[in-house]
Amino acid sequence: MPLSIGAVLFDCDGTLADSEPMITASIIDALRDEGFITTVEQVRAVFGPPLPEMIELLTGEPLTPERTERMRERYWVHAGPRRADVRPMRGAEAILDAMAKHGIPIAMVTNKTEASTAIQLRQFGWEQRFGATVSADSVPNAKPAPDMALEALRRLGVTPEHAAFVGDTESDTNCARDAGIPVIIGLTGTRDAATLRANGATHIVDSLDEVLPLLFGVKASAS
């Protein structure tokens, strides 16, 4: 049976945008510039929090404001040229089209900065797709705290008990769970099903194509 949903919140990186390879490579290169050697596996293991928190986890060192800014600059030196290669995840366009067709309000809830989120939306031509976009610097506490989900729902005019959240890391599922959202769809890839379930996911999918049948009982076309 389709679920009764009043709004759907989506993570960006690894959920709607196939951006994690770009982010991973750029973090590795930025850290190498600072004398830290990291691997793809190490970076993937800390995916979810905002970039400064990921850097702290990888280096084991707290970031001063000055070093945070320097690391951001080094990251964008490497990420900038790679950004053009980022594409929507398979099924992303179809699921956003379906949300519009069904008249379901949607929001993007991402630990990117507001500036980075705006660039990503422009790149995909998605500026008008979302009723709300909430980024890491939009609220006092980024994911996994519930603030971002609650702010997105406030902007959409929907209460948590009538919402669903789609994300690919424990930052997403914990955020949704602690916001009181009852339908939390964990997309495997960055994390496995067991990790997502242990951190609050109520449903597990292996691709975005599986989300539409879950929400509406309709089949998504590949995009």
Protein backbone atom coordinates (compact mmCIF):
# COMPACT_ATOMS: atom_id res chain seq x y z
CA MET A 1 0.00 0.00 0.00
CA PRO A 2 1.30 3.51 -0.75
CA LEU A 3 2.16 5.55 2.31
CA SER A 4 0.23 8.71 3.22
CA ILE A 5 2.83 11.45 2.90
CA GLY A 6 2.41 15.22 3.15
CA ALA A 7 6.01 16.19 2.34
CA VAL A 8 9.29 14.52 1.43
CA LEU A 9 12.73 15.75 2.50
CA PHE A 10 15.77 14.73 0.47
CA ASP A 11 19.46 14.73 1.25
CA CYS A 12 21.65 15.89 -1.64
CA ASP A 13 25.10 14.26 -1.89
CA GLY A 14 24.82 10.53 -2.45
CA THR A 15 21.02 10.71 -2.54
CA LEU A 16 19.97 13.07 -5.34
CA ALA A 17 23.44 14.04 -6.59
CA ASP A 18 26.09 11.51 -7.59
CA SER A 19 28.71 13.76 -6.03
CA GLU A 20 30.44 11.57 -3.49
CA PRO A 21 33.31 10.47 -5.79
CA MET A 22 34.07 14.15 -6.49
CA ILE A 23 33.87 15.08 -2.82
CA THR A 24 36.03 12.13 -1.78
CA ALA A 25 38.78 12.88 -4.29
CA SER A 26 38.76 16.58 -3.42
CA ILE A 27 39.04 15.94 0.32
CA ILE A 28 41.93 13.53 -0.25
CA ASP A 29 43.75 16.11 -2.37
CA ALA A 30 43.06 18.98 0.05
CA LEU A 31 44.35 16.96 2.98
CA ARG A 32 47.42 15.93 1.01
CA ASP A 33 48.15 19.63 0.50
CA GLU A 34 48.19 19.92 4.30
CA GLY A 35 50.42 16.89 4.79
CA PHE A 36 47.72 14.31 5.62
CA ILE A 37 47.45 11.08 3.65
CA THR A 38 43.97 9.53 3.56
CA THR A 39 42.24 6.82 1.55
CA VAL A 40 38.90 6.59 -0.22
CA GLU A 41 37.70 4.15 2.42
CA GLN A 42 38.64 6.50 5.26
CA VAL A 43 36.80 9.42 3.67
CA ARG A 44 33.70 7.37 2.87
CA ALA A 45 33.61 6.18 6.48
CA VAL A 46 33.08 9.75 7.75
CA PHE A 47 30.60 10.91 5.09
CA GLY A 48 27.56 12.75 6.38
CA PRO A 49 28.59 15.71 8.57
CA PRO A 50 29.56 19.13 7.18
CA LEU A 51 33.00 19.37 5.56
CA PRO A 52 34.85 20.86 8.59
CA GLU A 53 33.64 18.03 10.82
CA MET A 54 34.72 15.46 8.26
CA ILE A 55 38.18 17.05 8.15
CA GLU A 56 38.44 16.95 11.94
CA LEU A 57 37.46 13.28 12.00
CA LEU A 58 40.04 12.44 9.33
CA THR A 59 42.92 14.41 10.86
CA GLY A 60 42.08 13.86 14.51
CA GLU A 61 42.74 17.55 15.08
CA PRO A 62 40.30 20.36 15.90
CA LEU A 63 40.04 23.09 13.28
CA THR A 64 40.56 26.71 14.20
CA PRO A 65 38.48 29.24 12.23
CA GLU A 66 41.57 30.16 10.23
CA ARG A 67 42.39 26.56 9.39
CA THR A 68 38.76 25.84 8.55
CA GLU A 69 38.83 28.61 5.97
CA ARG A 70 42.16 27.41 4.57
CA MET A 71 40.87 23.85 4.26
CA ARG A 72 37.73 25.09 2.49
CA GLU A 73 39.93 26.99 0.04
CA ARG A 74 42.11 23.95 -0.62
CA TYR A 75 39.04 21.77 -1.02
CA TRP A 76 37.53 24.08 -3.65
CA VAL A 77 40.82 24.32 -5.53
CA HIS A 78 40.35 20.61 -6.21
CA ALA A 79 36.55 20.37 -6.24
CA GLY A 80 35.91 23.29 -8.56
CA PRO A 81 37.21 21.66 -11.76
CA ARG A 82 35.48 18.39 -10.87
CA ARG A 83 32.04 19.86 -10.18
CA ALA A 84 31.02 19.89 -13.84
CA ASP A 85 31.25 16.09 -13.91
CA VAL A 86 28.65 15.63 -11.15
CA ARG A 87 25.31 14.29 -12.38
CA PRO A 88 21.96 13.56 -10.74
CA MET A 89 21.66 10.09 -9.27
CA ARG A 90 19.87 7.52 -11.39
CA GLY A 91 16.17 7.99 -10.77
CA ALA A 92 16.51 11.48 -9.27
CA GLU A 93 14.76 13.35 -12.07
CA ALA A 94 11.95 10.78 -12.13
CA ILE A 95 11.30 11.02 -8.41
CA LEU A 96 11.28 14.83 -8.47
CA ASP A 97 8.89 14.75 -11.43
CA ALA A 98 6.64 12.38 -9.49
CA MET A 99 6.62 14.66 -6.45
CA ALA A 100 5.45 17.52 -8.65
CA LYS A 101 2.83 15.34 -10.37
CA HIS A 102 1.39 14.23 -7.03
CA GLY A 103 1.54 17.76 -5.61
CA ILE A 104 3.79 16.68 -2.73
CA PRO A 105 5.90 19.49 -1.24
CA ILE A 106 9.61 18.65 -1.16
CA ALA A 107 12.72 20.10 0.44
CA MET A 108 16.44 19.57 0.08
CA VAL A 109 18.15 19.14 3.44
CA THR A 110 21.90 19.07 2.94
CA ASN A 111 25.06 19.58 4.95
CA LYS A 112 26.48 21.64 2.10
CA THR A 113 26.73 25.37 2.70
CA GLU A 114 23.99 27.58 1.29
CA ALA A 115 26.38 28.85 -1.39
CA SER A 116 27.40 25.35 -2.45
CA THR A 117 23.77 24.19 -2.46
CA ALA A 118 22.78 27.07 -4.74
CA ILE A 119 25.57 26.18 -7.18
CA GLN A 120 24.48 22.54 -7.26
CA LEU A 121 20.84 23.46 -7.88
CA ARG A 122 21.80 25.78 -10.73
CA GLN A 123 24.03 23.14 -12.29
CA PHE A 124 21.16 20.64 -12.40
CA GLY A 125 18.52 23.22 -13.34
CA TRP A 126 16.70 22.46 -10.10
CA GLU A 127 16.28 26.00 -8.74
CA GLN A 128 12.47 25.73 -8.88
CA ARG A 129 12.20 22.08 -7.86
CA PHE A 130 12.11 22.50 -4.08
CA GLY A 131 9.70 24.29 -1.81
CA ALA A 132 12.56 24.74 0.65
CA THR A 133 16.30 24.20 0.79
CA VAL A 134 18.02 24.02 4.16
CA SER A 135 21.81 23.90 4.36
CA ALA A 136 24.35 23.42 7.13
CA ASP A 137 24.67 27.17 7.70
CA SER A 138 20.91 27.79 7.59
CA VAL A 139 20.36 26.65 11.19
CA PRO A 140 22.37 26.51 14.44
CA ASN A 141 22.95 22.74 14.27
CA ALA A 142 23.54 20.74 11.10
CA LYS A 143 22.63 17.08 10.58
CA PRO A 144 22.57 14.72 12.46
CA ALA A 145 20.76 17.18 14.76
CA PRO A 146 17.05 17.49 13.88
CA ASP A 147 17.17 21.27 13.33
CA MET A 148 17.48 21.14 9.54
CA ALA A 149 14.56 18.76 9.04
CA LEU A 150 12.37 20.75 11.41
CA GLU A 151 13.23 24.01 9.65
CA ALA A 152 12.49 22.49 6.24
CA LEU A 153 9.10 21.26 7.45
CA ARG A 154 8.36 24.64 9.02
CA ARG A 155 9.00 26.32 5.68
CA LEU A 156 6.80 23.77 3.88
CA GLY A 157 4.03 24.10 6.45
CA VAL A 158 3.97 20.36 7.20
CA THR A 159 4.26 18.67 10.60
CA PRO A 160 6.84 15.90 11.12
CA GLU A 161 4.29 13.12 11.52
CA HIS A 162 3.17 13.67 7.92
CA ALA A 163 6.65 13.65 6.38
CA ALA A 164 9.17 11.27 4.89
CA PHE A 165 12.94 11.64 4.62
CA VAL A 166 15.25 10.06 2.03
CA GLY A 167 18.98 9.93 2.74
CA ASP A 168 22.07 7.76 2.49
CA THR A 169 23.98 8.20 5.77
CA GLU A 170 23.35 7.99 9.49
CA SER A 171 23.47 11.79 9.61
CA ASP A 172 20.28 11.76 7.54
CA THR A 173 18.47 8.99 9.36
CA ASN A 174 19.35 10.29 12.82
CA CYS A 175 18.24 13.79 11.85
CA ALA A 176 14.91 12.48 10.59
CA ARG A 177 14.35 10.17 13.55
CA ASP A 178 15.06 12.88 16.11
CA ALA A 179 12.77 15.28 14.23
CA GLY A 180 9.91 12.82 14.72
CA ILE A 181 9.57 11.87 11.05
CA PRO A 182 7.95 8.42 10.87
CA VAL A 183 8.99 7.37 7.34
CA ILE A 184 12.79 7.32 7.00
CA ILE A 185 14.07 5.79 3.77
CA GLY A 186 17.71 4.76 3.82
CA LEU A 187 19.43 4.53 0.43
CA THR A 188 22.26 2.00 0.50
CA GLY A 189 25.62 2.65 -1.13
CA THR A 190 27.44 4.99 1.21
CA ARG A 191 26.20 2.88 4.14
CA ASP A 192 24.87 -0.65 4.28
CA ALA A 193 21.33 -1.57 5.25
CA ALA A 194 22.26 -2.68 8.76
CA THR A 195 23.93 0.64 9.58
CA LEU A 196 21.01 2.64 8.23
CA ARG A 197 18.46 0.57 10.14
CA ALA A 198 20.50 0.82 13.35
CA ASN A 199 20.39 4.60 12.98
CA GLY A 200 16.68 5.03 12.44
CA ALA A 201 15.81 4.02 8.87
CA THR A 202 12.35 2.49 8.69
CA HIS A 203 12.69 1.41 5.06
CA ILE A 204 15.72 0.40 2.99
CA VAL A 205 16.14 0.84 -0.77
CA ASP A 206 19.07 0.14 -3.07
CA SER A 207 18.17 2.82 -5.62
CA LEU A 208 15.90 5.83 -5.98
CA ASP A 209 13.77 3.79 -8.38
CA GLU A 210 12.49 1.89 -5.34
CA VAL A 211 11.33 5.02 -3.51
CA LEU A 212 8.39 5.83 -5.77
CA PRO A 213 6.73 2.42 -5.44
CA LEU A 214 7.20 2.71 -1.69
CA LEU A 215 5.60 6.15 -1.47
CA PHE A 216 3.00 6.04 -4.22
CA GLY A 217 2.75 2.53 -5.59
CA VAL A 218 4.00 3.67 -9.01
CA LYS A 219 7.00 2.62 -11.06
CA ALA A 220 9.78 5.10 -11.72
CA SER A 221 11.49 5.35 -15.08
CA ALA A 222 15.28 5.51 -15.17
CA SER A 223 16.91 8.89 -15.68
